PDB file of N, CA and C in Angstrom:
ATOM      1  N   MET A   1     -29.849 216.055 -70.401  1.00  0.00           N
ATOM      2  CA  MET A   1     -31.209 214.748 -70.428  1.00  0.00           C
ATOM      3  C   MET A   1     -31.370 214.597 -71.199  1.00  0.00           C
ATOM      4  N   ASN A   2     -31.150 214.882 -72.442  1.00  0.00           N
ATOM      5  CA  ASN A   2     -31.655 214.291 -73.884  1.00  0.00           C
ATOM      6  C   ASN A   2     -30.582 213.535 -74.217  1.00  0.00           C
ATOM      7  N   ILE A   3     -29.306 213.621 -73.699  1.00  0.00           N
ATOM      8  CA  ILE A   3     -28.141 213.038 -74.383  1.00  0.00           C
ATOM      9  C   ILE A   3     -28.613 211.758 -73.518  1.00  0.00           C
ATOM     10  N   LYS A   4     -29.084 211.568 -72.163  1.00  0.00           N
ATOM     11  CA  LYS A   4     -28.903 210.451 -71.391  1.00  0.00           C
ATOM     12  C   LYS A   4     -30.067 209.824 -72.252  1.00  0.00           C
ATOM     13  N   LYS A   5     -31.591 209.927 -72.508  1.00  0.00           N
ATOM     14  CA  LYS A   5     -32.542 209.389 -72.983  1.00  0.00           C
ATOM     15  C   LYS A   5     -32.340 208.333 -74.460  1.00  0.00           C
ATOM     16  N   LEU A   6     -31.615 209.454 -75.280  1.00  0.00           N
ATOM     17  CA  LEU A   6     -30.661 209.123 -76.866  1.00  0.00           C
ATOM     18  C   LEU A   6     -30.134 207.984 -76.327  1.00  0.00           C
ATOM     19  N   PHE A   7     -28.552 207.930 -75.719  1.00  0.00           N
ATOM     20  CA  PHE A   7     -28.063 206.604 -75.543  1.00  0.00           C
ATOM     21  C   PHE A   7     -28.682 205.678 -75.158  1.00  0.00           C
ATOM     22  N   ILE A   8     -29.779 205.557 -73.842  1.00  0.00           N
ATOM     23  CA  ILE A   8     -30.698 204.539 -73.607  1.00  0.00           C
ATOM     24  C   ILE A   8     -31.645 203.587 -74.637  1.00  0.00           C
ATOM     25  N   GLY A   9     -31.870 205.081 -75.900  1.00  0.00           N
ATOM     26  CA  GLY A   9     -32.674 204.436 -76.705  1.00  0.00           C
ATOM     27  C   GLY A   9     -31.172 203.754 -77.709  1.00  0.00           C
ATOM     28  N   VAL A  10     -30.409 204.069 -78.081  1.00  0.00           N
ATOM     29  CA  VAL A  10     -29.391 203.811 -78.537  1.00  0.00           C
ATOM     30  C   VAL A  10     -28.955 202.116 -78.480  1.00  0.00           C
ATOM     31  N   MET A  11     -28.906 201.773 -77.079  1.00  0.00           N
ATOM     32  CA  MET A  11     -28.555 200.852 -76.692  1.00  0.00           C
ATOM     33  C   MET A  11     -29.388 199.838 -76.583  1.00  0.00           C
ATOM     34  N   LEU A  12     -30.772 200.470 -76.042  1.00  0.00           N
ATOM     35  CA  LEU A  12     -31.750 199.264 -76.204  1.00  0.00           C
ATOM     36  C   LEU A  12     -31.969 198.621 -77.658  1.00  0.00           C
ATOM     37  N   LEU A  13     -31.877 199.756 -78.561  1.00  0.00           N
ATOM     38  CA  LEU A  13     -31.919 199.078 -79.995  1.00  0.00           C
ATOM     39  C   LEU A  13     -30.953 198.191 -80.157  1.00  0.00           C
ATOM     40  N   PHE A  14     -29.544 198.507 -80.149  1.00  0.00           N
ATOM     41  CA  PHE A  14     -28.692 197.388 -79.990  1.00  0.00           C
ATOM     42  C   PHE A  14     -28.898 196.250 -79.351  1.00  0.00           C
ATOM     43  N   LEU A  15     -29.386 196.306 -78.209  1.00  0.00           N
ATOM     44  CA  LEU A  15     -29.513 194.845 -77.794  1.00  0.00           C
ATOM     45  C   LEU A  15     -30.534 194.175 -78.194  1.00  0.00           C
ATOM     46  N   THR A  16     -31.474 195.149 -78.731  1.00  0.00           N
ATOM     47  CA  THR A  16     -32.520 194.062 -79.109  1.00  0.00           C
ATOM     48  C   THR A  16     -32.432 193.452 -80.754  1.00  0.00           C
ATOM     49  N   SER A  17     -31.174 194.533 -81.476  1.00  0.00           N
ATOM     50  CA  SER A  17     -31.046 193.444 -82.582  1.00  0.00           C
ATOM     51  C   SER A  17     -29.789 192.441 -82.685  1.00  0.00           C
ATOM     52  N   CYS A  18     -29.376 192.364 -81.264  1.00  0.00           N
ATOM     53  CA  CYS A  18     -28.561 191.256 -80.947  1.00  0.00           C
ATOM     54  C   CYS A  18     -29.454 189.996 -80.299  1.00  0.00           C
ATOM     55  N   ALA A  19     -30.799 190.340 -80.342  1.00  0.00           N
ATOM     56  CA  ALA A  19     -31.662 189.100 -79.188  1.00  0.00           C
ATOM     57  C   ALA A  19     -31.185 187.603 -80.416  1.00  0.00           C
ATOM     58  N   ASP A  20     -31.433 186.521 -79.534  1.00  0.00           N
ATOM     59  CA  ASP A  20     -31.055 185.456 -80.382  1.00  0.00           C
ATOM     60  C   ASP A  20     -32.454 184.554 -80.893  1.00  0.00           C
ATOM     61  N   ASN A  21     -32.404 184.337 -82.676  1.00  0.00           N
ATOM     62  CA  ASN A  21     -33.669 183.949 -83.040  1.00  0.00           C
ATOM     63  C   ASN A  21     -33.400 182.474 -83.330  1.00  0.00           C
ATOM     64  N   SER A  22     -32.493 182.037 -82.594  1.00  0.00           N
ATOM     65  CA  SER A  22     -32.576 180.484 -82.714  1.00  0.00           C
ATOM     66  C   SER A  22     -33.827 179.619 -82.960  1.00  0.00           C
ATOM     67  N   ASN A  23     -34.483 180.219 -82.081  1.00  0.00           N
ATOM     68  CA  ASN A  23     -36.136 179.374 -81.458  1.00  0.00           C
ATOM     69  C   ASN A  23     -37.055 179.846 -82.689  1.00  0.00           C
ATOM     70  N   SER A  24     -36.878 181.676 -83.322  1.00  0.00           N
ATOM     71  CA  SER A  24     -37.575 181.257 -84.610  1.00  0.00           C
ATOM     72  C   SER A  24     -37.617 180.636 -85.658  1.00  0.00           C
ATOM     73  N   ARG A  25     -35.827 180.263 -85.988  1.00  0.00           N
ATOM     74  CA  ARG A  25     -35.484 179.710 -87.012  1.00  0.00           C
ATOM     75  C   ARG A  25     -35.813 177.890 -86.963  1.00  0.00           C
ATOM     76  N   TYR A  26     -36.022 177.537 -85.870  1.00  0.00           N
ATOM     77  CA  TYR A  26     -36.291 176.166 -85.595  1.00  0.00           C
ATOM     78  C   TYR A  26     -37.573 176.165 -85.732  1.00  0.00           C
ATOM     79  N   ASP A  27     -38.400 177.327 -85.485  1.00  0.00           N
ATOM     80  CA  ASP A  27     -40.192 177.325 -85.521  1.00  0.00           C
ATOM     81  C   ASP A  27     -40.704 176.843 -86.863  1.00  0.00           C
ATOM     82  N   SER A  28     -39.682 178.128 -87.553  1.00  0.00           N
ATOM     83  CA  SER A  28     -39.893 178.532 -89.327  1.00  0.00           C
ATOM     84  C   SER A  28     -39.871 177.252 -89.833  1.00  0.00           C
ATOM     85  N   GLY A  29     -38.512 176.400 -89.392  1.00  0.00           N
ATOM     86  CA  GLY A  29     -37.968 174.815 -90.000  1.00  0.00           C
ATOM     87  C   GLY A  29     -38.740 174.092 -90.051  1.00  0.00           C
ATOM     88  N   TYR A  30     -39.739 173.931 -88.730  1.00  0.00           N
ATOM     89  CA  TYR A  30     -40.282 172.737 -87.915  1.00  0.00           C
ATOM     90  C   TYR A  30     -41.549 173.208 -88.745  1.00  0.00           C
ATOM     91  N   SER A  31     -42.209 174.165 -89.294  1.00  0.00           N
ATOM     92  CA  SER A  31     -43.279 174.536 -90.009  1.00  0.00           C
ATOM     93  C   SER A  31     -43.086 174.071 -91.301  1.00  0.00           C
ATOM     94  N   ASP A  32     -41.886 174.411 -91.488  1.00  0.00           N
ATOM     95  CA  ASP A  32     -41.855 174.054 -93.073  1.00  0.00           C
ATOM     96  C   ASP A  32     -41.820 172.579 -93.294  1.00  0.00           C
ATOM     97  N   GLY A  33     -40.907 171.739 -92.344  1.00  0.00           N
ATOM     98  CA  GLY A  33     -40.919 170.456 -92.691  1.00  0.00           C
ATOM     99  C   GLY A  33     -42.233 169.744 -92.417  1.00  0.00           C
ATOM    100  N   TYR A  34     -42.794 170.164 -91.475  1.00  0.00           N
ATOM    101  CA  TYR A  34     -44.228 169.705 -91.358  1.00  0.00           C
ATOM    102  C   TYR A  34     -45.292 169.429 -92.600  1.00  0.00           C
ATOM    103  N   ALA A  35     -45.087 170.939 -93.077  1.00  0.00           N
ATOM    104  CA  ALA A  35     -46.244 170.726 -94.323  1.00  0.00           C
ATOM    105  C   ALA A  35     -45.499 169.965 -95.490  1.00  0.00           C
ATOM    106  N   THR A  36     -44.317 170.025 -95.626  1.00  0.00           N
ATOM    107  CA  THR A  36     -43.587 169.358 -96.334  1.00  0.00           C
ATOM    108  C   THR A  36     -44.143 167.667 -96.202  1.00  0.00           C
ATOM    109  N   GLY A  37     -43.660 166.985 -95.017  1.00  0.00           N
ATOM    110  CA  GLY A  37     -43.947 166.312 -95.050  1.00  0.00           C
ATOM    111  C   GLY A  37     -44.807 165.629 -94.810  1.00  0.00           C
ATOM    112  N   TYR A  38     -46.127 166.512 -94.638  1.00  0.00           N
ATOM    113  CA  TYR A  38     -47.855 165.974 -95.091  1.00  0.00           C
ATOM    114  C   TYR A  38     -48.377 166.383 -96.345  1.00  0.00           C
ATOM    115  N   ASN A  39     -47.549 166.873 -96.553  1.00  0.00           N
ATOM    116  CA  ASN A  39     -48.164 167.373 -98.154  1.00  0.00           C
ATOM    117  C   ASN A  39     -47.639 166.126 -98.982  1.00  0.00           C
ATOM    118  N   THR A  40     -46.169 165.737 -98.639  1.00  0.00           N
ATOM    119  CA  THR A  40     -45.761 164.793 -99.713  1.00  0.00           C
ATOM    120  C   THR A  40     -45.943 163.522 -99.465  1.00  0.00           C
ATOM    121  N   THR A  41     -46.498 162.968 -98.176  1.00  0.00           N
ATOM    122  CA  THR A  41     -46.803 161.917 -97.780  1.00  0.00           C
ATOM    123  C   THR A  41     -48.337 161.399 -98.301  1.00  0.00           C
ATOM    124  N   CYS A  42     -49.069 162.699 -97.970  1.00  0.00           N
ATOM    125  CA  CYS A  42     -50.751 162.555 -98.237  1.00  0.00           C
ATOM    126  C   CYS A  42     -50.448 162.835 -99.995  1.00  0.00           C
ATOM    127  N   LYS A  43     -49.287 162.937-100.749  1.00  0.00           N
ATOM    128  CA  LYS A  43     -49.633 163.398-102.022  1.00  0.00           C
ATOM    129  C   LYS A  43     -50.576 164.461-102.258  1.00  0.00           C
ATOM    130  N   ILE A  44     -50.818 165.510-101.601  1.00  0.00           N
ATOM    131  CA  ILE A  44     -51.387 166.784-101.492  1.00  0.00           C
ATOM    132  C   ILE A  44     -50.908 167.515-102.852  1.00  0.00           C
ATOM    133  N   ARG A  45     -50.105 168.382-102.512  1.00  0.00           N
ATOM    134  CA  ARG A  45     -48.843 169.118-103.367  1.00  0.00           C
ATOM    135  C   ARG A  45     -48.119 169.417-103.020  1.00  0.00           C
ATOM    136  N   ALA A  46     -47.408 170.234-104.025  1.00  0.00           N
ATOM    137  CA  ALA A  46     -45.926 170.843-103.851  1.00  0.00           C
ATOM    138  C   ALA A  46     -46.285 172.041-102.778  1.00  0.00           C
ATOM    139  N   THR A  47     -44.691 172.544-101.624  1.00  0.00           N
ATOM    140  CA  THR A  47     -44.969 173.272-100.651  1.00  0.00           C
ATOM    141  C   THR A  47     -43.393 173.998-100.937  1.00  0.00           C
ATOM    142  N   LEU A  48     -44.022 175.235-100.749  1.00  0.00           N
ATOM    143  CA  LEU A  48     -42.876 176.413-100.950  1.00  0.00           C
ATOM    144  C   LEU A  48     -42.536 176.624 -99.421  1.00  0.00           C
ATOM    145  N   ILE A  49     -40.998 176.031 -99.567  1.00  0.00           N
ATOM    146  CA  ILE A  49     -40.364 176.617 -97.995  1.00  0.00           C
ATOM    147  C   ILE A  49     -39.537 177.665 -98.089  1.00  0.00           C
ATOM    148  N   ASP A  50     -38.943 177.938 -96.781  1.00  0.00           N
ATOM    149  CA  ASP A  50     -38.019 179.053 -96.653  1.00  0.00           C
ATOM    150  C   ASP A  50     -36.388 178.175 -97.415  1.00  0.00           C
ATOM    151  N   GLY A  51     -36.067 177.210 -96.643  1.00  0.00           N
ATOM    152  CA  GLY A  51     -34.781 176.269 -97.419  1.00  0.00           C
ATOM    153  C   GLY A  51     -33.669 177.015 -96.368  1.00  0.00           C
ATOM    154  N   ASP A  52     -33.182 177.335 -95.131  1.00  0.00           N
ATOM    155  CA  ASP A  52     -32.563 177.864 -94.680  1.00  0.00           C
ATOM    156  C   ASP A  52     -31.410 176.784 -94.586  1.00  0.00           C
ATOM    157  N   TRP A  53     -30.974 176.117 -95.150  1.00  0.00           N
ATOM    158  CA  TRP A  53     -30.164 175.197 -95.140  1.00  0.00           C
ATOM    159  C   TRP A  53     -28.793 175.397 -94.347  1.00  0.00           C
ATOM    160  N   ASP A  54     -28.467 176.416 -94.054  1.00  0.00           N
ATOM    161  CA  ASP A  54     -27.225 177.123 -93.699  1.00  0.00           C
ATOM    162  C   ASP A  54     -27.824 176.941 -92.119  1.00  0.00           C
ATOM    163  N   ASN A  55     -28.804 177.247 -91.743  1.00  0.00           N
ATOM    164  CA  ASN A  55     -29.278 177.342 -90.551  1.00  0.00           C
ATOM    165  C   ASN A  55     -29.198 175.889 -89.696  1.00  0.00           C
ATOM    166  N   GLU A  56     -28.351 175.817 -88.680  1.00  0.00           N
ATOM    167  CA  GLU A  56     -28.473 174.926 -87.928  1.00  0.00           C
ATOM    168  C   GLU A  56     -29.894 174.325 -87.406  1.00  0.00           C
ATOM    169  N   ASN A  57     -30.388 175.607 -86.719  1.00  0.00           N
ATOM    170  CA  ASN A  57     -31.457 175.473 -86.470  1.00  0.00           C
ATOM    171  C   ASN A  57     -32.810 175.760 -87.152  1.00  0.00           C
ATOM    172  N   TYR A  58     -32.842 175.670 -88.141  1.00  0.00           N
ATOM    173  CA  TYR A  58     -33.810 175.663 -89.236  1.00  0.00           C
ATOM    174  C   TYR A  58     -33.868 174.305 -89.756  1.00  0.00           C
ATOM    175  N   SER A  59     -32.559 173.575 -90.061  1.00  0.00           N
ATOM    176  CA  SER A  59     -32.422 172.482 -90.235  1.00  0.00           C
ATOM    177  C   SER A  59     -32.711 171.159 -89.232  1.00  0.00           C
ATOM    178  N   LYS A  60     -32.756 171.586 -88.234  1.00  0.00           N
ATOM    179  CA  LYS A  60     -32.931 170.296 -87.271  1.00  0.00           C
ATOM    180  C   LYS A  60     -34.746 170.668 -87.297  1.00  0.00           C
ATOM    181  N   GLY A  61     -35.079 172.126 -87.166  1.00  0.00           N
ATOM    182  CA  GLY A  61     -36.768 171.850 -87.023  1.00  0.00           C
ATOM    183  C   GLY A  61     -37.445 171.422 -88.163  1.00  0.00           C
ATOM    184  N   TYR A  62     -36.643 171.860 -89.241  1.00  0.00           N
ATOM    185  CA  TYR A  62     -37.150 171.033 -90.786  1.00  0.00           C
ATOM    186  C   TYR A  62     -37.337 169.596 -90.428  1.00  0.00           C
ATOM    187  N   ASN A  63     -36.136 168.926 -90.223  1.00  0.00           N
ATOM    188  CA  ASN A  63     -36.198 167.446 -89.924  1.00  0.00           C
ATOM    189  C   ASN A  63     -37.223 166.647 -88.824  1.00  0.00           C
ATOM    190  N   GLN A  64     -37.270 167.413 -88.209  1.00  0.00           N
ATOM    191  CA  GLN A  64     -38.431 166.974 -86.829  1.00  0.00           C
ATOM    192  C   GLN A  64     -39.443 166.940 -87.579  1.00  0.00           C
ATOM    193  N   GLY A  65     -40.426 168.407 -88.122  1.00  0.00           N
ATOM    194  CA  GLY A  65     -41.108 168.542 -88.277  1.00  0.00           C
ATOM    195  C   GLY A  65     -41.888 167.616 -89.598  1.00  0.00           C
ATOM    196  N   TYR A  66     -40.868 167.335 -90.647  1.00  0.00           N
ATOM    197  CA  TYR A  66     -41.125 166.863 -91.682  1.00  0.00           C
ATOM    198  C   TYR A  66     -41.609 165.147 -91.294  1.00  0.00           C
ATOM    199  N   ALA A  67     -40.869 164.516 -90.208  1.00  0.00           N
ATOM    200  CA  ALA A  67     -41.332 163.217 -89.494  1.00  0.00           C
ATOM    201  C   ALA A  67     -42.802 163.743 -89.332  1.00  0.00           C
ATOM    202  N   ALA A  68     -42.880 164.573 -88.416  1.00  0.00           N
ATOM    203  CA  ALA A  68     -43.823 164.494 -87.426  1.00  0.00           C
ATOM    204  C   ALA A  68     -45.512 164.816 -88.425  1.00  0.00           C
ATOM    205  N   GLY A  69     -44.787 165.683 -89.478  1.00  0.00           N
ATOM    206  CA  GLY A  69     -46.315 165.737 -91.084  1.00  0.00           C
ATOM    207  C   GLY A  69     -46.388 164.259 -91.553  1.00  0.00           C
ATOM    208  N   SER A  70     -45.514 163.524 -91.614  1.00  0.00           N
ATOM    209  CA  SER A  70     -45.864 162.559 -92.267  1.00  0.00           C
ATOM    210  C   SER A  70     -46.383 161.855 -91.483  1.00  0.00           C
ATOM    211  N   ILE A  71     -46.005 161.574 -90.356  1.00  0.00           N
ATOM    212  CA  ILE A  71     -46.439 160.377 -89.604  1.00  0.00           C
ATOM    213  C   ILE A  71     -47.989 161.240 -89.661  1.00  0.00           C
ATOM    214  N   ASP A  72     -48.247 162.285 -89.124  1.00  0.00           N
ATOM    215  CA  ASP A  72     -49.880 162.858 -88.744  1.00  0.00           C
ATOM    216  C   ASP A  72     -50.349 162.093 -90.101  1.00  0.00           C
ATOM    217  N   CYS A  73     -50.012 162.369 -91.425  1.00  0.00           N
ATOM    218  CA  CYS A  73     -50.624 161.860 -92.369  1.00  0.00           C
ATOM    219  C   CYS A  73     -51.111 160.568 -92.298  1.00  0.00           C
ATOM    220  N   LYS A  74     -49.880 159.753 -92.011  1.00  0.00           N
ATOM    221  CA  LYS A  74     -50.440 158.081 -92.427  1.00  0.00           C
ATOM    222  C   LYS A  74     -51.332 157.684 -90.993  1.00  0.00           C
ATOM    223  N   ASN A  75     -51.570 158.561 -90.198  1.00  0.00           N
ATOM    224  CA  ASN A  75     -52.436 158.252 -89.059  1.00  0.00           C
ATOM    225  C   ASN A  75     -54.012 158.834 -89.588  1.00  0.00           C
ATOM    226  N   GLN A  76     -54.068 159.697 -90.312  1.00  0.00           N
ATOM    227  CA  GLN A  76     -55.241 160.225 -90.537  1.00  0.00           C
ATOM    228  C   GLN A  76     -55.718 159.426 -91.907  1.00  0.00           C
ATOM    229  N   GLN A  77     -55.146 158.514 -92.409  1.00  0.00           N
ATOM    230  CA  GLN A  77     -55.839 157.756 -93.639  1.00  0.00           C
ATOM    231  C   GLN A  77     -56.072 156.519 -92.894  1.00  0.00           C
TER     232      GLN A  77
END
């Protein structure tokens, strides 16, 4: 019985490690892009970001976030 529980635990660990994290990289990119776009357009300050440019989802999120942050800054002026 213990072997069966161990096997199930190992399989769950394996499946969890294979989970798709594309949404989290997009979200991280969007957040970084939004902050950079807002801060740059409003001339607030430099922004430290992740900069995971090799990740397609991060780059897409960053570009969309940058545009949204820039627009929000312009709308608040």
